[in-house]
Amino acid sequence: MFLKKVFGLALISGVAFSGALKAQTPTAPMVTPMVDVDITYMVVGPQGQHLHQRMRWNANLWRQRVDPEGLPSIMITDYRAHKLMVLDTQAHTAVVSVAPGDGLTAPGVPASGSWKQVGPATIVGQPCMIWESVDTDKQPTDFCYTTDGLLLGATQGGRLVVQASSVNRVAQSPDLFDPPLGYHRIDPAK
């Protein structure tokens, strides 16, 4: 969409050494993938229904592709150009607009805002750290991020919101982040 972290107290020659450890203890997670990845998520809808979506990320291009299961649309975001492209797979159109949000936290840079580290977890065999913060709607949320910036899960008030069901750190072809041949591009009027 990760750096190794050391927790606890290091002992050197039988003397407690905590100063360097405090400098290494992160104050916020990495929230943007630092590697190419293909993740399938289970998303819990407002009425408790389970929806699935596939998210792919190309770390060199800073591009994300989201394929919601059962919908005729694909969302491709180019974070460097700050553009969102919504592909309609039935009409073969690509509608381009400004990407929502304030921008992307660069890969390898800790997230801004207020974060509190809660503790480690494992989701689909992947270690992650649970962090308390707020979502984009300012709702208190617990997020589980890997050290290389992959979101593996999120809960609000103890209710599951999203959780990874598969994680594959594999190269993502740049072609996945462009509309297929034959798609008509539609740019919004300025």
N, C-alpha and C. Protein backbone atom coordinates (compact mmCIF):
# COMPACT_ATOMS: atom_id res chain seq x y z
N MET A 1 0.60 -1.17 0.00
CA MET A 1 0.00 0.00 0.00
C MET A 1 0.34 0.66 0.00
N PHE A 2 8.36 -2.90 5.17
CA PHE A 2 8.09 -2.39 6.50
C PHE A 2 9.36 -2.54 7.32
N LEU A 3 9.58 -1.62 8.21
CA LEU A 3 10.79 -1.62 9.00
C LEU A 3 10.64 -2.50 10.23
N LYS A 4 11.70 -3.21 10.55
CA LYS A 4 11.70 -4.03 11.76
C LYS A 4 11.75 -3.12 12.97
N LYS A 5 11.02 -3.46 14.00
CA LYS A 5 11.00 -2.66 15.22
C LYS A 5 11.45 -3.52 16.37
N VAL A 6 12.13 -2.91 17.31
CA VAL A 6 12.61 -3.61 18.48
C VAL A 6 11.84 -3.11 19.69
N PHE A 7 11.29 -4.03 20.47
CA PHE A 7 10.53 -3.67 21.66
C PHE A 7 11.17 -4.35 22.86
N GLY A 8 11.04 -3.74 24.00
CA GLY A 8 11.61 -4.31 25.21
C GLY A 8 12.85 -3.55 25.62
N LEU A 9 13.66 -4.17 26.44
CA LEU A 9 14.85 -3.53 26.99
C LEU A 9 16.07 -4.34 26.59
N ALA A 10 17.05 -3.70 25.95
CA ALA A 10 18.28 -4.39 25.54
C ALA A 10 19.27 -4.37 26.69
N LEU A 11 19.98 -5.47 26.87
CA LEU A 11 21.01 -5.55 27.90
C LEU A 11 22.36 -5.67 27.23
N ILE A 12 23.27 -4.75 27.56
CA ILE A 12 24.63 -4.81 27.03
C ILE A 12 25.57 -4.94 28.22
N SER A 13 26.37 -6.01 28.23
CA SER A 13 27.31 -6.29 29.31
C SER A 13 26.63 -6.24 30.68
N GLY A 14 25.39 -6.70 30.76
CA GLY A 14 24.68 -6.77 32.02
C GLY A 14 24.14 -5.43 32.49
N VAL A 15 24.27 -4.38 31.69
CA VAL A 15 23.78 -3.05 32.06
C VAL A 15 22.57 -2.73 31.19
N ALA A 16 21.52 -2.27 31.81
CA ALA A 16 20.32 -1.91 31.04
C ALA A 16 20.64 -0.74 30.14
N PHE A 17 20.25 -0.84 28.88
CA PHE A 17 20.52 0.20 27.91
C PHE A 17 19.19 0.54 27.24
N SER A 18 18.56 1.61 27.68
CA SER A 18 17.24 1.93 27.15
C SER A 18 17.22 3.18 26.29
N GLY A 19 18.25 4.01 26.32
CA GLY A 19 18.26 5.26 25.55
C GLY A 19 18.14 5.02 24.06
N ALA A 20 18.94 4.12 23.50
CA ALA A 20 18.89 3.85 22.06
C ALA A 20 17.59 3.18 21.69
N LEU A 21 17.06 2.38 22.59
CA LEU A 21 15.82 1.69 22.31
C LEU A 21 14.67 2.68 22.18
N LYS A 22 14.65 3.68 23.04
CA LYS A 22 13.59 4.68 22.96
C LYS A 22 13.63 5.40 21.62
N ALA A 23 14.82 5.65 21.10
CA ALA A 23 14.94 6.32 19.81
C ALA A 23 14.41 5.43 18.69
N GLN A 24 14.46 4.10 18.87
CA GLN A 24 14.00 3.19 17.84
C GLN A 24 12.51 2.87 17.95
N THR A 25 11.91 3.13 19.08
CA THR A 25 10.50 2.83 19.25
C THR A 25 9.68 3.78 18.40
N PRO A 26 8.92 3.26 17.44
CA PRO A 26 8.16 4.14 16.55
C PRO A 26 7.01 4.85 17.29
N THR A 27 6.71 6.04 16.85
CA THR A 27 5.60 6.80 17.43
C THR A 27 4.37 6.77 16.53
N ALA A 28 4.53 6.24 15.32
CA ALA A 28 3.41 6.11 14.37
C ALA A 28 3.77 5.02 13.36
N PRO A 29 2.78 4.38 12.79
CA PRO A 29 3.06 3.32 11.81
C PRO A 29 3.39 3.88 10.44
N MET A 30 3.99 3.04 9.63
CA MET A 30 4.10 3.30 8.20
C MET A 30 2.73 2.91 7.64
N VAL A 31 2.10 3.79 6.88
CA VAL A 31 0.74 3.53 6.41
C VAL A 31 0.64 3.43 4.89
N THR A 32 1.76 3.50 4.22
CA THR A 32 1.80 3.35 2.76
C THR A 32 2.74 2.20 2.45
N PRO A 33 2.30 1.25 1.61
CA PRO A 33 3.16 0.11 1.30
C PRO A 33 4.52 0.53 0.75
N MET A 34 5.55 -0.14 1.24
CA MET A 34 6.90 0.11 0.77
C MET A 34 7.34 -0.95 -0.23
N VAL A 35 6.45 -1.89 -0.53
CA VAL A 35 6.73 -2.99 -1.47
C VAL A 35 5.53 -3.17 -2.38
N ASP A 36 5.77 -3.79 -3.53
CA ASP A 36 4.65 -4.19 -4.38
C ASP A 36 3.86 -5.26 -3.63
N VAL A 37 2.53 -5.19 -3.75
CA VAL A 37 1.70 -6.12 -2.98
C VAL A 37 0.35 -6.33 -3.65
N ASP A 38 -0.23 -7.49 -3.40
CA ASP A 38 -1.56 -7.86 -3.86
C ASP A 38 -2.29 -8.39 -2.61
N ILE A 39 -3.28 -7.62 -2.12
CA ILE A 39 -4.00 -7.99 -0.90
C ILE A 39 -5.49 -8.13 -1.21
N THR A 40 -6.09 -9.19 -0.71
CA THR A 40 -7.54 -9.32 -0.76
C THR A 40 -8.07 -9.02 0.63
N TYR A 41 -9.09 -8.15 0.69
CA TYR A 41 -9.68 -7.74 1.96
C TYR A 41 -11.13 -8.21 2.05
N MET A 42 -11.56 -8.50 3.27
CA MET A 42 -12.96 -8.68 3.59
C MET A 42 -13.37 -7.39 4.31
N VAL A 43 -14.37 -6.73 3.77
CA VAL A 43 -14.86 -5.47 4.33
C VAL A 43 -16.25 -5.72 4.89
N VAL A 44 -16.50 -5.25 6.10
CA VAL A 44 -17.81 -5.43 6.71
C VAL A 44 -18.64 -4.19 6.41
N GLY A 45 -19.76 -4.39 5.70
CA GLY A 45 -20.64 -3.28 5.33
C GLY A 45 -21.47 -2.78 6.49
N PRO A 46 -22.22 -1.69 6.27
CA PRO A 46 -23.00 -1.08 7.35
C PRO A 46 -24.05 -2.00 7.98
N GLN A 47 -24.59 -2.95 7.21
CA GLN A 47 -25.56 -3.89 7.75
C GLN A 47 -24.92 -5.23 8.12
N GLY A 48 -23.59 -5.24 8.23
CA GLY A 48 -22.89 -6.45 8.63
C GLY A 48 -22.56 -7.39 7.49
N GLN A 49 -22.91 -7.01 6.26
CA GLN A 49 -22.61 -7.88 5.13
C GLN A 49 -21.10 -7.91 4.86
N HIS A 50 -20.61 -9.04 4.38
CA HIS A 50 -19.19 -9.20 4.08
C HIS A 50 -18.98 -8.97 2.59
N LEU A 51 -18.17 -7.97 2.29
CA LEU A 51 -17.82 -7.62 0.91
C LEU A 51 -16.34 -7.90 0.73
N HIS A 52 -15.92 -8.16 -0.48
CA HIS A 52 -14.51 -8.43 -0.73
C HIS A 52 -13.98 -7.46 -1.77
N GLN A 53 -12.72 -7.10 -1.61
CA GLN A 53 -12.08 -6.28 -2.62
C GLN A 53 -10.60 -6.65 -2.68
N ARG A 54 -10.06 -6.49 -3.87
CA ARG A 54 -8.65 -6.78 -4.09
C ARG A 54 -7.93 -5.46 -4.27
N MET A 55 -6.82 -5.28 -3.54
CA MET A 55 -6.02 -4.06 -3.64
C MET A 55 -4.62 -4.44 -4.09
N ARG A 56 -4.17 -3.77 -5.16
CA ARG A 56 -2.81 -3.99 -5.63
C ARG A 56 -2.07 -2.66 -5.60
N TRP A 57 -0.78 -2.72 -5.29
CA TRP A 57 0.03 -1.52 -5.12
C TRP A 57 1.36 -1.72 -5.85
N ASN A 58 1.76 -0.71 -6.64
CA ASN A 58 3.07 -0.69 -7.27
C ASN A 58 3.89 0.37 -6.56
N ALA A 59 4.91 -0.06 -5.81
CA ALA A 59 5.69 0.85 -4.96
C ALA A 59 6.51 1.85 -5.77
N ASN A 60 7.00 1.46 -6.94
CA ASN A 60 7.79 2.40 -7.75
C ASN A 60 6.92 3.50 -8.34
N LEU A 61 5.72 3.16 -8.76
CA LEU A 61 4.83 4.14 -9.40
C LEU A 61 3.97 4.91 -8.41
N TRP A 62 3.85 4.41 -7.17
CA TRP A 62 2.92 4.96 -6.18
C TRP A 62 1.50 4.90 -6.74
N ARG A 63 1.15 3.76 -7.29
CA ARG A 63 -0.19 3.58 -7.84
C ARG A 63 -0.89 2.43 -7.14
N GLN A 64 -2.20 2.62 -6.93
CA GLN A 64 -3.04 1.63 -6.26
C GLN A 64 -4.19 1.27 -7.19
N ARG A 65 -4.52 -0.02 -7.20
CA ARG A 65 -5.68 -0.50 -7.96
C ARG A 65 -6.57 -1.25 -6.99
N VAL A 66 -7.88 -0.89 -6.97
CA VAL A 66 -8.86 -1.55 -6.12
C VAL A 66 -9.96 -2.12 -7.01
N ASP A 67 -10.15 -3.44 -6.89
CA ASP A 67 -11.19 -4.15 -7.63
C ASP A 67 -12.22 -4.66 -6.64
N PRO A 68 -13.36 -3.95 -6.47
CA PRO A 68 -14.41 -4.45 -5.57
C PRO A 68 -15.13 -5.65 -6.20
N GLU A 69 -15.31 -6.69 -5.41
CA GLU A 69 -15.97 -7.90 -5.90
C GLU A 69 -17.42 -7.61 -6.29
N GLY A 70 -17.81 -8.11 -7.46
CA GLY A 70 -19.21 -8.02 -7.88
C GLY A 70 -19.64 -6.67 -8.43
N LEU A 71 -18.73 -5.72 -8.56
CA LEU A 71 -19.08 -4.41 -9.12
C LEU A 71 -18.39 -4.22 -10.46
N PRO A 72 -19.02 -3.49 -11.37
CA PRO A 72 -18.43 -3.29 -12.69
C PRO A 72 -17.44 -2.11 -12.73
N SER A 73 -16.83 -1.80 -11.60
CA SER A 73 -15.89 -0.68 -11.58
C SER A 73 -14.57 -1.08 -10.93
N ILE A 74 -13.53 -0.41 -11.38
CA ILE A 74 -12.19 -0.58 -10.85
C ILE A 74 -11.67 0.82 -10.56
N MET A 75 -11.04 1.03 -9.42
CA MET A 75 -10.50 2.34 -9.08
C MET A 75 -8.98 2.28 -9.12
N ILE A 76 -8.38 3.17 -9.88
CA ILE A 76 -6.92 3.25 -9.99
C ILE A 76 -6.52 4.65 -9.55
N THR A 77 -5.64 4.71 -8.55
CA THR A 77 -5.19 6.00 -8.04
C THR A 77 -3.69 6.15 -8.31
N ASP A 78 -3.33 7.27 -8.94
CA ASP A 78 -1.93 7.63 -9.15
C ASP A 78 -1.63 8.71 -8.12
N TYR A 79 -0.92 8.33 -7.05
CA TYR A 79 -0.69 9.27 -5.95
C TYR A 79 0.36 10.32 -6.29
N ARG A 80 1.25 10.05 -7.21
CA ARG A 80 2.22 11.08 -7.62
C ARG A 80 1.52 12.18 -8.41
N ALA A 81 0.62 11.80 -9.29
CA ALA A 81 -0.11 12.78 -10.12
C ALA A 81 -1.37 13.28 -9.42
N HIS A 82 -1.73 12.67 -8.28
CA HIS A 82 -2.94 12.99 -7.51
C HIS A 82 -4.20 12.88 -8.39
N LYS A 83 -4.27 11.74 -9.12
CA LYS A 83 -5.41 11.48 -10.02
C LYS A 83 -6.07 10.16 -9.66
N LEU A 84 -7.38 10.15 -9.75
CA LEU A 84 -8.19 8.94 -9.57
C LEU A 84 -8.85 8.63 -10.90
N MET A 85 -8.76 7.37 -11.30
CA MET A 85 -9.40 6.92 -12.52
C MET A 85 -10.36 5.80 -12.16
N VAL A 86 -11.64 5.96 -12.51
CA VAL A 86 -12.63 4.93 -12.25
C VAL A 86 -12.97 4.28 -13.59
N LEU A 87 -12.67 3.00 -13.70
CA LEU A 87 -12.95 2.25 -14.92
C LEU A 87 -14.32 1.60 -14.80
N ASP A 88 -15.15 1.81 -15.80
CA ASP A 88 -16.44 1.12 -15.90
C ASP A 88 -16.22 -0.03 -16.87
N THR A 89 -16.21 -1.26 -16.34
CA THR A 89 -15.89 -2.43 -17.15
C THR A 89 -17.01 -2.81 -18.12
N GLN A 90 -18.21 -2.26 -17.91
CA GLN A 90 -19.31 -2.53 -18.84
C GLN A 90 -19.35 -1.52 -19.97
N ALA A 91 -19.19 -0.24 -19.65
CA ALA A 91 -19.23 0.81 -20.67
C ALA A 91 -17.86 1.06 -21.30
N HIS A 92 -16.82 0.45 -20.76
CA HIS A 92 -15.44 0.62 -21.24
C HIS A 92 -15.03 2.09 -21.25
N THR A 93 -15.31 2.76 -20.12
CA THR A 93 -14.90 4.14 -19.95
C THR A 93 -13.95 4.26 -18.76
N ALA A 94 -13.17 5.33 -18.80
CA ALA A 94 -12.24 5.64 -17.72
C ALA A 94 -12.46 7.10 -17.35
N VAL A 95 -13.12 7.34 -16.22
CA VAL A 95 -13.41 8.70 -15.76
C VAL A 95 -12.26 9.13 -14.85
N VAL A 96 -11.64 10.25 -15.19
CA VAL A 96 -10.47 10.74 -14.46
C VAL A 96 -10.86 11.97 -13.66
N SER A 97 -10.42 12.00 -12.38
CA SER A 97 -10.68 13.16 -11.52
C SER A 97 -9.51 13.33 -10.56
N VAL A 98 -9.57 14.37 -9.76
CA VAL A 98 -8.56 14.58 -8.73
C VAL A 98 -8.79 13.54 -7.64
N ALA A 99 -7.71 12.95 -7.16
CA ALA A 99 -7.82 11.95 -6.11
C ALA A 99 -8.30 12.61 -4.82
N PRO A 100 -9.20 11.96 -4.09
CA PRO A 100 -9.69 12.53 -2.84
C PRO A 100 -8.60 12.50 -1.76
N GLY A 101 -8.78 13.29 -0.75
CA GLY A 101 -7.86 13.30 0.37
C GLY A 101 -6.78 14.35 0.24
N ASP A 102 -5.99 14.44 1.29
CA ASP A 102 -4.94 15.45 1.35
C ASP A 102 -3.63 15.00 0.74
N GLY A 103 -3.58 13.83 0.21
CA GLY A 103 -2.33 13.32 -0.35
C GLY A 103 -1.91 12.05 0.35
N LEU A 104 -0.78 11.58 -0.03
CA LEU A 104 -0.28 10.30 0.43
C LEU A 104 0.93 10.51 1.32
N THR A 105 0.98 9.77 2.41
CA THR A 105 2.19 9.72 3.21
C THR A 105 3.18 8.87 2.43
N ALA A 106 4.35 9.40 2.16
CA ALA A 106 5.34 8.69 1.35
C ALA A 106 5.71 7.35 1.98
N PRO A 107 5.96 6.34 1.15
CA PRO A 107 6.41 5.07 1.70
C PRO A 107 7.67 5.28 2.55
N GLY A 108 7.72 4.61 3.71
CA GLY A 108 8.87 4.72 4.59
C GLY A 108 8.82 5.89 5.55
N VAL A 109 7.75 6.70 5.46
CA VAL A 109 7.58 7.85 6.35
C VAL A 109 6.44 7.52 7.32
N PRO A 110 6.66 7.67 8.63
CA PRO A 110 5.59 7.40 9.58
C PRO A 110 4.39 8.34 9.35
N ALA A 111 3.22 7.85 9.66
CA ALA A 111 1.99 8.61 9.49
C ALA A 111 2.00 9.85 10.39
N SER A 112 1.31 10.88 9.94
CA SER A 112 1.13 12.06 10.79
C SER A 112 -0.07 11.82 11.68
N GLY A 113 -0.31 12.71 12.60
CA GLY A 113 -1.45 12.58 13.49
C GLY A 113 -1.07 11.92 14.80
N SER A 114 -2.09 11.64 15.58
CA SER A 114 -1.90 11.06 16.91
C SER A 114 -2.10 9.54 16.83
N TRP A 115 -1.08 8.80 17.25
CA TRP A 115 -1.11 7.35 17.22
C TRP A 115 -0.63 6.80 18.56
N LYS A 116 -1.25 5.71 19.00
CA LYS A 116 -0.82 5.04 20.22
C LYS A 116 -0.63 3.57 19.90
N GLN A 117 0.57 3.08 20.16
CA GLN A 117 0.87 1.68 19.91
C GLN A 117 0.19 0.82 20.98
N VAL A 118 -0.58 -0.19 20.55
CA VAL A 118 -1.32 -1.04 21.46
C VAL A 118 -0.60 -2.36 21.70
N GLY A 119 -0.20 -3.03 20.62
CA GLY A 119 0.49 -4.30 20.78
C GLY A 119 0.49 -5.09 19.49
N PRO A 120 1.25 -6.18 19.47
CA PRO A 120 1.38 -6.98 18.26
C PRO A 120 0.16 -7.87 18.01
N ALA A 121 0.01 -8.24 16.75
CA ALA A 121 -1.04 -9.17 16.33
C ALA A 121 -0.52 -9.94 15.12
N THR A 122 -1.27 -10.94 14.73
CA THR A 122 -0.97 -11.70 13.52
C THR A 122 -2.27 -11.86 12.75
N ILE A 123 -2.25 -11.45 11.49
CA ILE A 123 -3.43 -11.59 10.61
C ILE A 123 -2.96 -12.29 9.35
N VAL A 124 -3.64 -13.32 8.93
CA VAL A 124 -3.29 -14.20 7.81
C VAL A 124 -1.81 -14.56 7.81
N GLY A 125 -1.31 -14.91 9.00
CA GLY A 125 0.08 -15.32 9.12
C GLY A 125 1.10 -14.21 9.05
N GLN A 126 0.64 -12.96 9.00
CA GLN A 126 1.53 -11.81 8.88
C GLN A 126 1.57 -11.05 10.21
N PRO A 127 2.76 -10.79 10.75
CA PRO A 127 2.83 -9.99 11.97
C PRO A 127 2.51 -8.53 11.68
N CYS A 128 1.78 -7.91 12.59
CA CYS A 128 1.46 -6.49 12.45
C CYS A 128 1.35 -5.89 13.85
N MET A 129 1.33 -4.56 13.90
CA MET A 129 1.22 -3.85 15.16
C MET A 129 -0.11 -3.12 15.18
N ILE A 130 -0.84 -3.25 16.28
CA ILE A 130 -2.12 -2.54 16.43
C ILE A 130 -1.82 -1.14 16.95
N TRP A 131 -2.42 -0.16 16.28
CA TRP A 131 -2.28 1.26 16.63
C TRP A 131 -3.66 1.87 16.81
N GLU A 132 -3.84 2.66 17.89
CA GLU A 132 -5.07 3.43 18.08
C GLU A 132 -4.89 4.79 17.42
N SER A 133 -5.92 5.22 16.69
CA SER A 133 -5.93 6.54 16.07
C SER A 133 -7.37 6.85 15.69
N VAL A 134 -7.55 7.69 14.67
CA VAL A 134 -8.88 7.99 14.15
C VAL A 134 -8.86 7.77 12.64
N ASP A 135 -10.03 7.41 12.09
CA ASP A 135 -10.12 7.24 10.64
C ASP A 135 -10.34 8.58 9.97
N THR A 136 -10.59 8.57 8.66
CA THR A 136 -10.77 9.83 7.92
C THR A 136 -12.03 10.58 8.35
N ASP A 137 -12.97 9.90 9.02
CA ASP A 137 -14.16 10.56 9.55
C ASP A 137 -14.00 10.93 11.03
N LYS A 138 -12.77 10.84 11.53
CA LYS A 138 -12.44 11.18 12.93
C LYS A 138 -13.04 10.22 13.94
N GLN A 139 -13.36 8.99 13.51
CA GLN A 139 -13.88 7.96 14.40
C GLN A 139 -12.72 7.19 15.02
N PRO A 140 -12.72 6.96 16.35
CA PRO A 140 -11.65 6.18 16.97
C PRO A 140 -11.58 4.79 16.32
N THR A 141 -10.39 4.41 15.90
CA THR A 141 -10.20 3.16 15.17
C THR A 141 -8.89 2.52 15.57
N ASP A 142 -8.87 1.20 15.65
CA ASP A 142 -7.64 0.44 15.84
C ASP A 142 -7.23 -0.10 14.48
N PHE A 143 -5.99 0.18 14.07
CA PHE A 143 -5.45 -0.26 12.79
C PHE A 143 -4.32 -1.23 13.05
N CYS A 144 -4.19 -2.26 12.22
CA CYS A 144 -3.07 -3.19 12.34
C CYS A 144 -2.21 -3.06 11.07
N TYR A 145 -1.01 -2.48 11.23
CA TYR A 145 -0.09 -2.26 10.11
C TYR A 145 1.15 -3.12 10.28
N THR A 146 1.65 -3.61 9.15
CA THR A 146 2.94 -4.30 9.16
C THR A 146 4.04 -3.24 9.14
N THR A 147 5.26 -3.66 9.40
CA THR A 147 6.35 -2.69 9.42
C THR A 147 6.67 -2.15 8.03
N ASP A 148 6.20 -2.82 6.96
CA ASP A 148 6.42 -2.29 5.61
C ASP A 148 5.18 -1.59 5.06
N GLY A 149 4.27 -1.16 5.94
CA GLY A 149 3.17 -0.28 5.55
C GLY A 149 1.90 -0.92 5.04
N LEU A 150 1.71 -2.21 5.26
CA LEU A 150 0.49 -2.87 4.78
C LEU A 150 -0.58 -2.84 5.86
N LEU A 151 -1.75 -2.37 5.51
CA LEU A 151 -2.91 -2.44 6.42
C LEU A 151 -3.45 -3.86 6.37
N LEU A 152 -3.49 -4.51 7.53
CA LEU A 152 -4.02 -5.87 7.58
C LEU A 152 -5.38 -5.94 8.25
N GLY A 153 -5.76 -4.92 9.01
CA GLY A 153 -7.06 -4.95 9.65
C GLY A 153 -7.37 -3.64 10.34
N ALA A 154 -8.66 -3.42 10.59
CA ALA A 154 -9.12 -2.24 11.33
C ALA A 154 -10.42 -2.59 12.04
N THR A 155 -10.55 -2.06 13.27
CA THR A 155 -11.78 -2.23 14.05
C THR A 155 -12.19 -0.87 14.61
N GLN A 156 -13.50 -0.71 14.80
CA GLN A 156 -14.06 0.49 15.45
C GLN A 156 -14.98 0.01 16.55
N GLY A 157 -14.70 0.46 17.77
CA GLY A 157 -15.53 0.05 18.91
C GLY A 157 -15.62 -1.45 19.05
N GLY A 158 -14.54 -2.15 18.74
CA GLY A 158 -14.53 -3.61 18.84
C GLY A 158 -15.18 -4.32 17.66
N ARG A 159 -15.74 -3.56 16.71
CA ARG A 159 -16.40 -4.14 15.52
C ARG A 159 -15.43 -4.16 14.35
N LEU A 160 -15.26 -5.32 13.74
CA LEU A 160 -14.38 -5.47 12.58
C LEU A 160 -14.89 -4.62 11.43
N VAL A 161 -14.00 -3.85 10.83
CA VAL A 161 -14.34 -3.01 9.67
C VAL A 161 -13.73 -3.60 8.40
N VAL A 162 -12.45 -3.97 8.49
CA VAL A 162 -11.76 -4.55 7.34
C VAL A 162 -10.67 -5.48 7.85
N GLN A 163 -10.44 -6.58 7.09
CA GLN A 163 -9.36 -7.49 7.45
C GLN A 163 -8.85 -8.17 6.19
N ALA A 164 -7.53 -8.27 6.09
CA ALA A 164 -6.92 -8.97 4.96
C ALA A 164 -7.24 -10.45 5.04
N SER A 165 -7.54 -11.05 3.89
CA SER A 165 -7.75 -12.49 3.84
C SER A 165 -6.62 -13.18 3.07
N SER A 166 -5.83 -12.39 2.31
CA SER A 166 -4.62 -12.91 1.68
C SER A 166 -3.67 -11.74 1.43
N VAL A 167 -2.38 -12.03 1.54
CA VAL A 167 -1.35 -11.02 1.32
C VAL A 167 -0.24 -11.66 0.49
N ASN A 168 0.06 -11.05 -0.66
CA ASN A 168 1.13 -11.55 -1.52
C ASN A 168 2.04 -10.38 -1.89
N ARG A 169 3.26 -10.41 -1.38
CA ARG A 169 4.26 -9.40 -1.72
C ARG A 169 4.95 -9.87 -3.00
N VAL A 170 4.36 -9.49 -4.13
CA VAL A 170 4.88 -9.87 -5.45
C VAL A 170 4.87 -8.65 -6.36
N ALA A 171 5.76 -8.64 -7.34
CA ALA A 171 5.84 -7.53 -8.30
C ALA A 171 4.50 -7.32 -8.99
N GLN A 172 4.11 -6.05 -9.14
CA GLN A 172 2.86 -5.68 -9.80
C GLN A 172 3.19 -4.96 -11.11
N SER A 173 2.73 -5.52 -12.20
CA SER A 173 3.02 -4.97 -13.52
C SER A 173 2.44 -3.56 -13.66
N PRO A 174 3.20 -2.63 -14.22
CA PRO A 174 2.68 -1.27 -14.45
C PRO A 174 1.40 -1.27 -15.30
N ASP A 175 1.24 -2.27 -16.18
CA ASP A 175 0.05 -2.35 -17.04
C ASP A 175 -1.24 -2.47 -16.25
N LEU A 176 -1.19 -3.02 -15.03
CA LEU A 176 -2.39 -3.16 -14.20
C LEU A 176 -2.97 -1.81 -13.79
N PHE A 177 -2.17 -0.75 -13.89
CA PHE A 177 -2.55 0.55 -13.36
C PHE A 177 -2.90 1.55 -14.47
N ASP A 178 -3.16 1.01 -15.66
CA ASP A 178 -3.63 1.79 -16.80
C ASP A 178 -4.90 1.14 -17.34
N PRO A 179 -5.79 1.92 -17.95
CA PRO A 179 -6.99 1.29 -18.52
C PRO A 179 -6.61 0.37 -19.67
N PRO A 180 -7.33 -0.71 -19.84
CA PRO A 180 -7.07 -1.60 -20.98
C PRO A 180 -7.33 -0.89 -22.30
N LEU A 181 -6.76 -1.41 -23.37
CA LEU A 181 -7.02 -0.85 -24.71
C LEU A 181 -8.51 -0.86 -24.99
N GLY A 182 -8.99 0.16 -25.67
CA GLY A 182 -10.40 0.23 -26.04
C GLY A 182 -11.26 1.01 -25.06
N TYR A 183 -10.68 1.46 -23.95
CA TYR A 183 -11.44 2.26 -22.99
C TYR A 183 -11.42 3.72 -23.42
N HIS A 184 -12.57 4.37 -23.31
CA HIS A 184 -12.71 5.81 -23.65
C HIS A 184 -12.47 6.62 -22.40
N ARG A 185 -11.48 7.51 -22.45
CA ARG A 185 -11.14 8.35 -21.29
C ARG A 185 -12.06 9.57 -21.24
N ILE A 186 -12.60 9.82 -20.05
CA ILE A 186 -13.49 10.99 -19.83
C ILE A 186 -12.86 11.84 -18.74
N ASP A 187 -12.45 13.05 -19.11
CA ASP A 187 -11.91 14.00 -18.13
C ASP A 187 -13.03 14.95 -17.76
N PRO A 188 -13.23 15.22 -16.46
CA PRO A 188 -14.30 16.12 -16.05
C PRO A 188 -14.05 17.53 -16.57
N ALA A 189 -15.13 18.25 -16.81
CA ALA A 189 -15.04 19.63 -17.28
C ALA A 189 -14.37 20.47 -16.21
N LYS A 190 -13.59 21.42 -16.64
CA LYS A 190 -12.87 22.27 -15.67
C LYS A 190 -13.62 23.51 -15.37
